[in-house]
Protein backbone atom coordinates (compact mmCIF):
# COMPACT_ATOMS: atom_id res chain seq x y z
CA MET A 1 11.35 -22.35 23.60
CA LYS A 2 8.10 -22.60 22.03
CA ASP A 3 7.18 -25.12 19.19
CA PRO A 4 7.44 -23.29 16.33
CA GLU A 5 3.77 -24.75 15.35
CA ALA A 6 2.50 -23.30 18.31
CA ALA A 7 3.95 -20.00 17.68
CA LEU A 8 2.60 -20.41 14.10
CA LYS A 9 -1.59 -21.10 15.66
CA GLU A 10 -1.14 -18.58 18.28
CA GLY A 11 0.68 -16.01 14.97
CA ILE A 12 -2.99 -16.60 13.33
CA ALA A 13 -4.99 -16.11 16.06
CA ARG A 14 -3.58 -12.83 16.32
CA THR A 15 -3.66 -11.65 12.80
CA SER A 16 -6.01 -9.27 10.72
CA VAL A 17 -7.03 -9.35 7.49
CA VAL A 18 -7.66 -6.00 6.49
CA ILE A 19 -9.37 -4.89 2.96
CA ALA A 20 -10.94 -1.36 1.64
CA LEU A 21 -13.93 -1.60 0.27
CA LYS A 22 -16.27 0.59 -1.61
CA ASP A 23 -18.39 -0.81 -4.18
CA ASP A 24 -16.11 -3.99 -5.91
CA VAL A 25 -18.54 -7.43 -4.91
CA ARG A 26 -15.47 -9.62 -6.00
CA ILE A 27 -15.30 -8.97 -1.82
CA VAL A 28 -17.35 -12.30 -2.07
CA ASP A 29 -14.36 -14.99 -3.61
CA CYS A 30 -12.10 -12.34 -1.93
CA ILE A 31 -13.19 -13.78 1.42
CA ALA A 32 -13.90 -17.33 0.36
CA SER A 33 -10.08 -17.42 -0.60
CA VAL A 34 -9.01 -16.67 3.56
CA ASP A 35 -8.47 -20.11 4.51
CA GLU A 36 -7.27 -19.70 8.32
CA GLU A 37 -9.58 -18.83 11.03
CA VAL A 38 -7.95 -14.87 11.13
CA GLU A 39 -9.90 -12.16 11.61
CA ILE A 40 -11.58 -10.54 8.71
CA VAL A 41 -12.12 -6.28 8.67
CA LEU A 42 -13.39 -4.52 5.68
CA ALA A 43 -12.88 -0.79 6.16
CA LEU A 44 -15.93 1.15 4.02
CA ASN A 45 -15.55 4.19 1.66
CA GLY A 46 -18.18 5.19 0.08
CA ALA A 47 -20.00 1.33 0.07
CA SER A 48 -22.60 1.06 -2.04
CA ASP A 49 -26.37 -0.41 -1.47
CA GLU A 50 -25.35 -3.90 -2.80
CA ILE A 51 -21.92 -4.17 -0.75
CA ARG A 52 -23.85 -3.64 2.11
CA ARG A 53 -26.34 -6.05 1.50
CA VAL A 54 -23.86 -8.57 0.97
CA ILE A 55 -21.92 -8.04 4.19
CA ALA A 56 -25.48 -8.33 5.89
CA GLU A 57 -26.23 -11.35 3.98
CA HIS A 58 -22.27 -13.05 4.35
CA PRO A 59 -22.16 -16.18 6.28
CA ARG A 60 -18.78 -15.49 8.16
CA ARG A 61 -17.83 -13.18 10.82
CA LEU A 62 -16.53 -9.80 9.42
CA VAL A 63 -15.50 -6.95 11.44
CA VAL A 64 -16.74 -3.28 9.30
CA THR A 65 -15.76 -0.32 9.94
CA GLU A 66 -17.14 2.72 8.19
CA ILE A 67 -15.09 6.45 6.92
CA PRO A 68 -17.12 9.30 5.23
CA ASP A 69 -14.35 9.97 3.06
CA ALA A 70 -15.69 7.70 -0.03
CA GLY A 71 -11.63 6.87 -2.63
CA ASN A 72 -9.46 7.87 0.95
CA LEU A 73 -7.13 4.86 1.12
CA GLY A 74 -5.10 6.02 4.05
CA ALA A 75 -7.94 7.00 6.24
CA ALA A 76 -9.64 3.61 5.13
CA TYR A 77 -6.41 1.77 6.18
CA ASN A 78 -5.97 3.80 9.62
CA ALA A 79 -9.46 2.65 10.21
CA GLY A 80 -9.01 -0.84 9.60
CA ALA A 81 -6.11 -1.48 11.68
CA GLU A 82 -7.64 0.15 14.52
CA ALA A 83 -10.84 -1.64 14.40
CA ALA A 84 -8.84 -5.05 13.98
CA SER A 85 -7.65 -6.39 17.41
CA GLY A 86 -4.75 -8.70 15.56
CA GLN A 87 -1.34 -7.83 16.54
CA TYR A 88 -0.17 -8.94 12.34
CA LEU A 89 -2.19 -6.67 9.79
CA LEU A 90 -2.72 -8.41 6.57
CA TYR A 91 -3.92 -5.70 3.73
CA MET A 92 -5.46 -7.35 1.02
CA ASP A 93 -7.50 -6.09 -2.19
CA SER A 94 -11.14 -6.15 -3.09
CA ASP A 95 -10.15 -7.56 -6.64
CA CYS A 96 -7.61 -10.22 -5.52
CA VAL A 97 -7.75 -13.96 -3.95
CA PHE A 98 -5.23 -15.60 -1.73
CA ALA A 99 -3.54 -18.81 -2.84
CA PRO A 100 -4.63 -21.32 -0.97
CA GLY A 101 -1.48 -21.37 2.06
CA VAL A 102 -0.57 -18.14 1.29
CA ILE A 103 -2.03 -16.90 4.93
CA ARG A 104 -0.22 -19.25 6.91
CA MET A 105 3.39 -19.05 4.72
CA MET A 106 3.19 -14.86 5.36
CA VAL A 107 2.26 -15.47 8.96
CA ARG A 108 4.72 -17.79 9.62
CA ALA A 109 7.39 -14.89 8.09
CA VAL A 110 6.04 -12.38 10.46
CA LEU A 111 7.02 -14.16 13.27
CA ASP A 112 10.44 -13.39 12.41
CA HIS A 113 10.14 -10.00 10.42
CA PRO A 114 8.37 -7.34 11.14
CA VAL A 115 6.89 -6.73 7.46
CA VAL A 116 6.72 -9.00 4.64
CA LYS A 117 5.70 -9.04 1.46
CA GLY A 118 4.15 -11.53 -1.09
CA GLN A 119 3.90 -11.44 -4.69
CA VAL A 120 1.08 -10.29 -7.10
CA VAL A 121 0.41 -12.09 -10.10
CA TYR A 122 -1.72 -10.03 -12.52
CA GLY A 123 -4.63 -12.09 -14.15
CA GLU A 124 -5.32 -12.12 -18.16
CA SER A 125 -7.94 -12.56 -20.60
CA ASP A 126 -7.18 -13.40 -23.95
CA ARG A 127 -7.41 -9.61 -25.18
CA LEU A 128 -3.44 -7.82 -25.81
CA LEU A 129 -4.41 -5.03 -23.73
CA SER A 130 -5.02 -7.06 -21.20
CA ARG A 131 -2.17 -9.13 -21.34
CA LEU A 132 0.13 -5.64 -22.13
CA THR A 133 -1.24 -3.99 -18.65
CA ALA A 134 -0.51 -7.24 -16.58
CA ARG A 135 3.27 -6.72 -18.08
CA VAL A 136 2.79 -3.18 -16.87
CA ARG A 137 1.91 -3.93 -13.72
CA GLU A 138 4.35 -6.54 -12.82
CA PHE A 139 7.20 -4.30 -13.99
CA ASP A 140 5.59 -1.49 -11.92
CA GLU A 141 4.87 -3.11 -8.86
CA GLY A 142 5.62 -6.36 -9.03
CA ASP A 143 9.38 -6.64 -10.12
CA TYR A 144 11.12 -5.57 -6.96
CA VAL A 145 10.48 -5.62 -3.47
CA SER A 146 8.77 -2.77 -1.75
CA ALA A 147 5.94 -2.10 1.09
CA LEU A 148 3.32 -1.92 -1.64
CA SER A 149 0.20 -3.82 -0.99
CA PRO A 150 -1.00 -6.11 -1.46
CA PRO A 151 -0.22 -8.57 -0.03
CA LEU A 152 1.92 -6.63 2.46
CA VAL A 153 1.30 -8.11 6.45
CA TYR A 154 3.58 -6.46 9.16
CA ASP A 155 3.27 -6.28 13.18
CA ARG A 156 1.56 -3.33 14.35
CA ARG A 157 4.01 -2.42 16.57
CA VAL A 158 5.85 -1.28 13.60
CA ALA A 159 3.84 2.03 13.81
CA ASP A 160 5.59 3.02 17.01
CA CYS A 161 8.77 3.36 15.13
CA ILE A 162 8.27 5.56 11.40
CA GLY A 163 6.04 8.03 13.39
CA GLY A 164 3.24 6.78 15.13
CA TYR A 165 0.89 5.88 12.39
CA HIS A 166 -0.01 3.83 9.58
CA TYR A 167 -0.75 5.50 6.97
CA ASP A 168 -1.26 9.59 5.88
CA PRO A 169 -4.81 9.96 6.44
CA LEU A 170 -4.36 13.14 3.75
CA VAL A 171 -2.39 10.67 1.24
CA HIS A 172 -5.85 9.23 -0.56
CA TRP A 173 -3.90 7.33 -2.94
CA CYS A 174 -0.03 6.61 -2.84
CA GLU A 175 -0.41 6.01 0.46
CA ASP A 176 1.41 3.02 0.67
CA ARG A 177 4.42 4.48 -1.11
CA GLU A 178 4.38 6.63 1.63
CA PHE A 179 4.05 3.88 3.72
CA ASP A 180 7.18 2.44 2.40
CA PHE A 181 8.90 5.41 2.31
CA ARG A 182 8.69 5.77 6.08
CA LEU A 183 10.31 1.82 6.62
CA GLN A 184 13.40 3.18 4.54
CA LEU A 185 13.64 6.30 6.88
CA ALA A 186 13.44 3.60 10.10
CA GLU A 187 15.78 0.66 8.16
CA ILE A 188 13.01 -1.36 8.51
CA PRO A 189 13.27 -3.98 5.52
CA VAL A 190 10.44 -6.05 3.96
CA VAL A 191 10.96 -9.31 3.49
CA HIS A 192 9.89 -10.47 -0.33
CA LEU A 193 8.27 -14.15 -0.18
CA PRO A 194 7.95 -15.06 -3.87
CA ASP A 195 5.67 -18.33 -3.35
CA ALA A 196 3.74 -16.18 -1.24
CA VAL A 197 0.82 -15.52 -4.27
CA ILE A 198 -1.91 -13.88 -4.67
CA HIS A 199 -4.07 -13.66 -7.75
CA HIS A 200 -5.34 -9.97 -9.15
CA ASP A 201 -8.24 -10.16 -11.34
CA ALA A 202 -8.00 -9.83 -14.87
CA GLN A 203 -8.16 -6.39 -15.84
CA HIS A 204 -10.15 -4.86 -19.37
CA GLY A 205 -9.62 -1.86 -21.37
CA LEU A 206 -8.03 1.25 -20.42
CA GLN A 207 -9.50 1.15 -16.23
CA ASN A 208 -6.11 1.01 -15.48
CA LEU A 209 -5.46 4.72 -16.72
CA ARG A 210 -8.06 6.02 -14.01
CA SER A 211 -6.06 3.76 -11.61
CA TYR A 212 -3.10 5.77 -12.15
CA TRP A 213 -4.88 9.08 -12.29
CA ARG A 214 -5.43 8.40 -8.65
CA TYR A 215 -1.97 7.94 -8.08
CA GLY A 216 -0.59 11.05 -9.49
CA ILE A 217 -3.23 12.68 -7.06
CA GLY A 218 -1.88 11.15 -3.84
CA GLU A 219 1.56 11.87 -5.36
CA GLY A 220 0.21 16.00 -5.57
CA ILE A 221 -0.78 15.44 -2.13
CA GLY A 222 1.99 13.70 -1.17
CA GLN A 223 4.34 16.59 -2.40
CA GLN A 224 2.52 19.67 -1.04
CA LEU A 225 2.74 17.80 2.53
CA GLY A 226 6.03 17.02 2.25
CA ILE A 227 6.47 13.51 2.61
CA PHE A 228 7.14 13.34 -0.91
CA THR A 229 10.21 14.73 -2.59
CA THR A 230 9.01 17.96 -5.03
CA PRO A 231 12.01 17.88 -8.43
CA ALA A 232 13.52 21.87 -8.21
CA ILE A 233 13.08 21.73 -11.74
CA PRO A 234 9.64 20.01 -12.34
CA VAL A 235 9.51 18.91 -15.84
CA ALA A 236 13.03 18.32 -16.83
CA TRP A 237 12.97 15.79 -13.70
CA ARG A 238 9.55 14.72 -14.96
CA VAL A 239 10.84 14.10 -18.88
CA TYR A 240 14.06 12.53 -17.32
CA ASP A 241 12.65 10.26 -14.88
CA SER A 242 9.77 8.80 -17.33
CA ALA A 243 11.98 8.28 -20.46
CA ARG A 244 14.46 6.04 -18.25
CA THR A 245 11.50 4.20 -16.87
CA LEU A 246 10.19 3.11 -20.03
CA VAL A 247 13.56 1.78 -21.74
CA GLY A 248 13.53 -0.01 -18.57
CA CYS A 249 10.24 -0.96 -19.79
CA ALA A 250 10.65 -1.58 -23.02
CA ARG A 251 13.40 -3.49 -22.48
CA ASP A 252 11.95 -5.76 -19.53
CA LYS A 253 8.68 -6.34 -20.83
CA GLY A 254 8.53 -4.89 -24.64
CA PRO A 255 8.15 -2.21 -26.97
CA LEU A 256 4.29 -2.38 -26.85
CA ALA A 257 4.17 -2.64 -22.57
CA ALA A 258 6.19 0.22 -22.68
CA ALA A 259 3.83 2.52 -25.10
CA LEU A 260 0.82 1.48 -22.67
CA TYR A 261 3.11 2.22 -19.74
CA ALA A 262 3.89 5.88 -21.52
CA LEU A 263 -0.21 6.39 -21.34
CA MET A 264 -0.32 5.33 -17.78
CA GLN A 265 2.59 7.71 -17.01
CA SER A 266 0.57 10.67 -18.81
CA ALA A 267 -2.13 9.89 -16.78
CA PHE A 268 -0.16 9.81 -13.54
CA HIS A 269 1.46 13.36 -14.18
CA THR A 270 -2.06 14.56 -15.44
CA GLY A 271 -3.77 13.79 -11.85
CA THR A 272 -1.14 15.62 -9.96
CA VAL A 273 -1.51 18.81 -12.08
CA TYR A 274 -4.85 18.39 -11.57
CA HIS A 275 -4.73 18.21 -7.52
CA LEU A 276 -2.41 21.14 -7.85
CA LEU A 277 -5.08 23.44 -9.93
CA ARG A 278 -8.26 21.41 -8.39
CA ASP A 279 -7.87 19.90 -5.55
CA PRO A 280 -10.59 17.60 -6.21
CA PHE A 281 -10.65 16.30 -2.54
CA GLN A 282 -10.53 19.49 -0.47
CA VAL A 283 -6.90 18.62 0.93
CA ARG A 284 -5.62 21.70 1.01
CA GLY A 285 -7.56 23.42 3.63
CA ARG A 286 -6.53 20.67 5.93
CA LEU A 287 -2.55 20.68 5.27
CA PRO A 288 -1.08 21.44 8.82
CA ALA A 289 0.41 24.69 9.56
CA HIS A 290 4.21 23.71 8.81
CA ALA A 291 3.36 21.85 6.11
CA ARG A 292 5.81 22.46 3.48
CA ARG A 293 7.64 21.13 0.14
CA THR A 294 10.90 19.41 0.50
CA ARG A 295 12.72 19.93 -2.94
CA MET A 296 15.33 18.55 -4.33
CA LEU A 297 16.69 18.40 -7.54
CA ARG A 298 17.11 14.77 -7.73
CA SER A 299 13.78 14.00 -6.48
CA VAL A 300 12.66 9.61 -5.38
CA PRO A 301 11.50 8.77 -8.45
CA GLU A 302 8.86 7.10 -9.77
CA HIS A 303 9.75 3.78 -9.92
CA CYS A 304 11.46 1.52 -8.59
CA PRO A 305 11.37 4.29 -5.59
CA LYS A 306 14.82 3.11 -3.46
CA LEU A 307 15.90 6.55 -1.60
CA THR A 308 19.29 7.98 -1.35
CA ALA A 309 21.16 8.80 1.52
CA GLU A 310 20.21 12.19 0.61
CA GLN A 311 16.75 12.05 0.26
CA ARG A 312 16.61 9.68 3.71
CA GLU A 313 17.77 12.77 5.18
CA LYS A 314 15.55 15.52 3.77
CA LEU A 315 12.08 13.33 4.43
CA ARG A 316 13.52 12.74 8.32
CA GLN A 317 13.51 16.75 8.46
CA ALA A 318 10.30 16.73 6.89
CA HIS A 319 8.88 14.51 9.09
CA ARG A 320 10.66 16.26 12.35
CA GLU A 321 9.05 19.69 11.38
CA ARG A 322 5.51 17.43 12.05
CA GLY A 323 6.62 16.54 15.20
CA ARG A 324 7.74 12.99 13.71
CA VAL A 325 11.20 11.34 14.32
CA ILE A 326 12.06 8.28 12.55
CA GLU A 327 15.15 7.13 13.14
CA PRO A 328 16.73 3.71 11.86
CA VAL A 329 15.68 1.22 14.25
CA LYS A 330 19.03 -0.93 15.80
CA ASP A 331 17.20 -4.15 17.16
CA LEU A 332 14.85 -5.71 15.09
CA SER A 333 14.56 -8.39 17.68
CA VAL A 334 12.08 -6.87 19.74
CA PHE A 335 9.29 -8.14 17.16
CA ARG A 336 10.15 -11.45 17.47
CA VAL A 337 8.26 -11.27 20.71
CA PRO A 338 5.09 -11.47 20.28
CA ALA A 339 2.96 -8.62 22.14
CA PRO A 340 1.38 -8.21 25.28
CA GLU A 341 -2.27 -9.12 25.41
CA PRO A 342 -3.45 -6.15 26.58
CA SER A 343 -2.86 -4.46 22.93
CA LEU A 344 -4.82 -6.96 21.16
CA VAL A 345 -7.86 -5.67 23.18
CA GLN A 346 -10.13 -4.77 20.38
CA ARG A 347 -10.33 -1.06 19.20
CA GLN A 348 -13.14 0.90 19.70
């Protein structure tokens, strides 16, 4: 039996940190927080001249790949996964930094579990709006276990069990939500490490409204593809789903946080409608011929989306129609055996 420390050392050598990057100069601090000798892959999507200069002058070895589709996170992460040589893919955001020892902690866990999620701690300034934003993001993304990234690390062989791909290249935002759905279809658990902390930069003003508007666009794309469910009675479902979510937010984070969250949800639904009316990323012309909506009376909720048995079956059927069979994985022990060396050759 291999010595645990030797196995950990080998696991770290087989880990790639993947970061999608457009114009965020905070990437410098993010890279500086990487405290292990792991491969760092930057997936550029619409990179600014300043970012290109920062990358060119950075003293650390960086693997850089690029896509022409600015803002397409699904395609950017796929390009990062293809460029990465590691067996273990650790997804990170440019506006976050790792706490010391977190990468080692997450790699140690992924040696025994195929998917591992850390914990985001949202920074805040002394302004009320910044503090409320942190509370809302905690409620919406941090207070339950899912495969939303960052920080998320998984064995790249997981993709073979969830349709043969990492992220859907048509889903510009909410790409990690769709990834989480497929993990649920395959019944691959996400192991949560609450002590594996990354720190998110403090957010100011109403900048999150733009983020939630983009998430709404991703939701609209996913619904058209059929890989998200579409409410059979859209307005009634959205009112019901939003109302119960806001009640939960008010209970857990306070009424002011719930009021801010109501604005964010409005931006989310506006983004979905905007995509349906304007198709800003011209996805409609790239939809597969067999793409159709997966309509359900009880659609998948926006918040804390744990799929019911009926929702899982509906989404499995939608994937089968696209030629992707996603069935429950009966034996997870295969992920405890390191991948053979040929699979770790640098991808072109």
